[in-house]
Amino acid sequence: MTDLILWGRASSANLQKARWALEETGASFELREAGGRFGGLDTPEFGALNPNRLVPVLQHGQLTVWESHAVVRYVAAAFGGTELWPEAPKDRAAIDQWTDWTATTFQPAWIRLFWLLVRTAPEKHDRSAIAAALEETVAALRMMDRQLDKTDHLASDGFSYADIVAGVSLYRLTTMDIALPSLPGIEAWHGRLKQRAAFDKTVCISYEELRARAVP
């Protein structure tokens, strides 16, 4: 029995961030499936955990944390030692900078692309909207690529939770039916992440259950 409970579903990108962080630390936790085909988000009990009725939600004893990046930060601080979130303020600043940029710029772009391509039935695809979302996503990827030309990971040479919150995108971006430009820094970074067992376990997961089907 553990007092660490993570609510969500394996195919949720935001859940994957929290689960990846927990797996990196080796902390023992229970995954309770909720959302998507599992439902349960509209219950009073779940509403008491998260008034937004979204996953992930982390319970640690009497503490409840929601919002994926807040969950990842808590996991890093509580269980991650100094690897995921170093002690020096200047090092933390770089990690938080890329984490917040992911929330405000990168994730909205690539998630929109994912919804337009995967979560929308093929006969309803808006090619103009898809092209615009791809352009926005590639612009963000190029910004990361320039950083990764200088460092092995997103905030520095060392792995941190900035790599987690941005890196969950890579499995989907490299398996969707899109053409990405040559991005050597991103490709090398992706290769390093794929060497991490926690990345393979929590991120490289089929998203077929999320795919919208053509209307017969």
Protein backbone atom coordinates (compact mmCIF):
# COMPACT_ATOMS: atom_id res chain seq x y z
CA MET A 1 0.00 0.00 0.00
CA THR A 2 1.31 3.46 -0.92
CA ASP A 3 0.19 6.91 0.07
CA LEU A 4 1.17 8.20 -3.40
CA ILE A 5 -1.69 8.00 -5.92
CA LEU A 6 -1.67 9.30 -9.49
CA TRP A 7 -5.01 9.71 -11.24
CA GLY A 8 -5.25 9.61 -15.03
CA ARG A 9 -4.96 7.43 -18.12
CA ALA A 10 -1.80 6.20 -19.80
CA SER A 11 -2.63 7.78 -23.17
CA SER A 12 -2.92 11.31 -21.74
CA ALA A 13 0.15 13.41 -22.59
CA ASN A 14 -0.25 15.42 -19.39
CA LEU A 15 -0.52 12.24 -17.33
CA GLN A 16 2.61 10.95 -19.05
CA LYS A 17 4.60 13.91 -17.70
CA ALA A 18 3.69 13.09 -14.11
CA ARG A 19 4.13 9.35 -14.56
CA TRP A 20 7.49 9.80 -16.29
CA ALA A 21 8.72 12.02 -13.44
CA LEU A 22 7.63 9.49 -10.84
CA GLU A 23 9.29 6.62 -12.71
CA GLU A 24 12.53 8.60 -12.93
CA THR A 25 12.62 9.00 -9.16
CA GLY A 26 11.81 5.38 -8.38
CA ALA A 27 9.01 6.45 -6.06
CA SER A 28 6.37 3.80 -5.41
CA PHE A 29 2.93 4.97 -6.55
CA GLU A 30 -0.48 3.67 -7.55
CA LEU A 31 -1.96 4.66 -10.91
CA ARG A 32 -5.73 4.99 -10.69
CA GLU A 33 -7.27 5.12 -14.15
CA ALA A 34 -9.57 8.05 -14.79
CA GLY A 35 -10.63 10.15 -17.74
CA GLY A 36 -11.19 9.16 -21.35
CA ARG A 37 -12.72 5.69 -21.67
CA PHE A 38 -12.40 5.24 -17.90
CA GLY A 39 -14.62 8.22 -17.08
CA GLY A 40 -15.03 9.26 -13.46
CA LEU A 41 -14.10 12.91 -13.88
CA ASP A 42 -17.67 14.12 -13.40
CA THR A 43 -18.12 12.53 -10.00
CA PRO A 44 -18.33 14.65 -6.85
CA GLU A 45 -15.37 12.73 -5.45
CA PHE A 46 -13.11 13.64 -8.35
CA GLY A 47 -14.40 17.22 -8.37
CA ALA A 48 -13.26 17.49 -4.77
CA LEU A 49 -9.75 16.49 -5.89
CA ASN A 50 -9.60 18.82 -8.88
CA PRO A 51 -12.25 21.46 -9.56
CA ASN A 52 -11.09 21.57 -13.21
CA ARG A 53 -12.02 17.87 -13.51
CA LEU A 54 -8.89 17.09 -15.51
CA VAL A 55 -6.00 14.66 -15.13
CA PRO A 56 -3.41 14.26 -13.81
CA VAL A 57 -4.06 14.58 -10.13
CA LEU A 58 -1.48 13.50 -7.56
CA GLN A 59 -2.38 12.59 -4.00
CA HIS A 60 0.41 12.28 -1.47
CA GLY A 61 -1.07 11.59 1.91
CA GLN A 62 -3.23 14.59 2.74
CA LEU A 63 -1.79 16.68 -0.10
CA THR A 64 -3.51 16.93 -3.49
CA VAL A 65 -1.77 18.53 -6.48
CA TRP A 66 -3.25 19.18 -9.92
CA GLU A 67 -1.95 20.85 -13.11
CA SER A 68 0.64 18.64 -14.78
CA HIS A 69 3.61 20.97 -14.44
CA ALA A 70 2.84 21.59 -10.78
CA VAL A 71 2.69 17.83 -10.26
CA VAL A 72 6.04 17.35 -12.01
CA ARG A 73 7.65 20.12 -9.94
CA TYR A 74 6.35 18.57 -6.74
CA VAL A 75 7.61 15.12 -7.70
CA ALA A 76 11.00 16.60 -8.57
CA ALA A 77 11.22 18.47 -5.27
CA ALA A 78 9.88 15.65 -3.10
CA PHE A 79 11.50 12.60 -4.66
CA GLY A 80 13.96 13.64 -7.37
CA GLY A 81 17.00 14.66 -5.37
CA THR A 82 18.96 17.32 -7.27
CA GLU A 83 18.83 15.75 -10.75
CA LEU A 84 15.36 16.78 -11.87
CA TRP A 85 15.51 20.16 -10.13
CA PRO A 86 18.99 21.33 -9.02
CA GLU A 87 19.47 23.43 -5.91
CA ALA A 88 21.14 26.47 -7.51
CA PRO A 89 18.60 29.22 -8.31
CA LYS A 90 20.29 29.94 -11.65
CA ASP A 91 19.93 26.30 -12.68
CA ARG A 92 16.32 26.20 -11.54
CA ALA A 93 15.60 29.38 -13.49
CA ALA A 94 16.67 27.78 -16.77
CA ILE A 95 14.51 24.72 -16.08
CA ASP A 96 11.48 26.79 -15.13
CA GLN A 97 11.99 29.03 -18.16
CA TRP A 98 11.71 26.12 -20.60
CA THR A 99 8.92 24.52 -18.60
CA ASP A 100 6.81 27.67 -18.70
CA TRP A 101 7.61 28.19 -22.39
CA THR A 102 6.39 24.66 -23.05
CA ALA A 103 3.10 25.46 -21.31
CA THR A 104 2.51 28.77 -23.07
CA THR A 105 4.02 28.22 -26.53
CA PHE A 106 5.11 24.71 -27.47
CA GLN A 107 2.38 22.49 -26.06
CA PRO A 108 -0.56 24.58 -27.36
CA ALA A 109 0.95 24.32 -30.86
CA TRP A 110 1.67 20.60 -30.97
CA ILE A 111 -1.50 19.60 -29.13
CA ARG A 112 -3.56 21.61 -31.62
CA LEU A 113 -1.79 19.78 -34.44
CA PHE A 114 -2.50 16.44 -32.74
CA TRP A 115 -6.20 17.28 -32.37
CA LEU A 116 -6.54 18.42 -35.96
CA LEU A 117 -4.81 15.32 -37.35
CA VAL A 118 -5.61 12.52 -34.91
CA ARG A 119 -8.58 13.53 -32.79
CA THR A 120 -10.53 14.77 -35.83
CA ALA A 121 -12.11 12.33 -38.28
CA PRO A 122 -10.30 12.27 -41.66
CA GLU A 123 -13.29 13.56 -43.60
CA LYS A 124 -13.36 16.62 -41.35
CA HIS A 125 -9.67 17.48 -41.67
CA ASP A 126 -9.06 21.17 -42.29
CA ARG A 127 -5.86 21.22 -44.34
CA SER A 128 -5.38 24.95 -43.90
CA ALA A 129 -5.67 24.70 -40.11
CA ILE A 130 -3.37 21.66 -40.07
CA ALA A 131 -0.74 23.52 -42.10
CA ALA A 132 -0.92 26.52 -39.75
CA ALA A 133 -0.60 24.31 -36.66
CA LEU A 134 2.34 22.46 -38.21
CA GLU A 135 4.07 25.74 -39.02
CA GLU A 136 3.61 26.94 -35.44
CA THR A 137 4.86 23.62 -34.07
CA VAL A 138 7.92 23.60 -36.30
CA ALA A 139 8.75 27.17 -35.27
CA ALA A 140 8.80 26.03 -31.62
CA LEU A 141 10.83 22.95 -32.51
CA ARG A 142 13.39 25.11 -34.29
CA MET A 143 13.74 27.25 -31.16
CA MET A 144 14.42 24.14 -29.10
CA ASP A 145 16.75 22.81 -31.79
CA ARG A 146 18.92 25.93 -31.52
CA GLN A 147 19.15 25.43 -27.75
CA LEU A 148 19.94 21.74 -28.17
CA ASP A 149 22.79 22.63 -30.49
CA LYS A 150 24.44 24.12 -27.39
CA THR A 151 23.39 21.69 -24.64
CA ASP A 152 22.63 17.97 -24.39
CA HIS A 153 19.28 18.62 -22.75
CA LEU A 154 16.81 21.44 -22.85
CA ALA A 155 17.91 23.54 -19.88
CA SER A 156 21.54 22.37 -19.62
CA ASP A 157 23.70 19.35 -20.35
CA GLY A 158 21.94 17.53 -17.50
CA PHE A 159 18.51 15.89 -17.66
CA SER A 160 15.80 17.82 -15.81
CA TYR A 161 12.04 18.08 -15.61
CA ALA A 162 12.12 20.57 -18.47
CA ASP A 163 12.99 17.59 -20.67
CA ILE A 164 10.00 15.72 -19.29
CA VAL A 165 7.35 18.34 -19.96
CA ALA A 166 8.62 19.06 -23.49
CA GLY A 167 9.84 15.56 -24.33
CA VAL A 168 6.42 13.89 -24.02
CA SER A 169 5.67 15.40 -27.44
CA LEU A 170 8.33 13.46 -29.31
CA TYR A 171 6.65 10.07 -29.63
CA ARG A 172 3.54 11.61 -31.18
CA LEU A 173 5.37 14.11 -33.36
CA THR A 174 7.55 11.37 -34.81
CA THR A 175 4.71 8.91 -35.40
CA MET A 176 2.00 11.20 -36.78
CA ASP A 177 1.54 11.57 -40.53
CA ILE A 178 3.50 14.81 -40.83
CA ALA A 179 6.74 15.86 -42.48
CA LEU A 180 9.18 17.51 -40.10
CA PRO A 181 12.31 19.33 -41.28
CA SER A 182 15.80 18.22 -40.35
CA LEU A 183 16.32 19.11 -36.70
CA PRO A 184 19.66 17.59 -35.64
CA GLY A 185 19.54 18.91 -32.07
CA ILE A 186 16.01 17.58 -31.51
CA GLU A 187 16.92 14.25 -33.09
CA ALA A 188 19.98 13.82 -30.86
CA TRP A 189 17.96 14.81 -27.78
CA HIS A 190 15.24 12.34 -28.73
CA GLY A 191 17.89 9.65 -29.03
CA ARG A 192 19.13 10.42 -25.52
CA LEU A 193 15.60 10.35 -24.11
CA LYS A 194 14.89 6.99 -25.75
CA GLN A 195 17.76 5.53 -23.75
CA ARG A 196 15.84 6.28 -20.55
CA ALA A 197 13.68 3.37 -19.42
CA ALA A 198 11.09 5.71 -17.91
CA PHE A 199 10.61 7.48 -21.27
CA ASP A 200 10.03 4.20 -23.07
CA LYS A 201 7.62 2.97 -20.39
CA THR A 202 5.49 6.08 -20.00
CA VAL A 203 5.67 8.01 -23.29
CA CYS A 204 6.07 5.46 -26.10
CA ILE A 205 2.46 4.34 -25.77
CA SER A 206 -0.07 3.82 -28.55
CA TYR A 207 -2.57 6.65 -28.92
CA GLU A 208 -4.89 4.68 -31.23
CA GLU A 209 -7.68 4.85 -28.67
CA LEU A 210 -7.65 8.62 -29.19
CA ARG A 211 -7.92 8.48 -32.97
CA ALA A 212 -11.19 9.71 -34.44
CA ARG A 213 -12.71 7.22 -36.85
CA ALA A 214 -14.16 7.97 -40.25
CA VAL A 215 -17.94 8.02 -40.33
CA PRO A 216 -19.16 4.89 -42.19
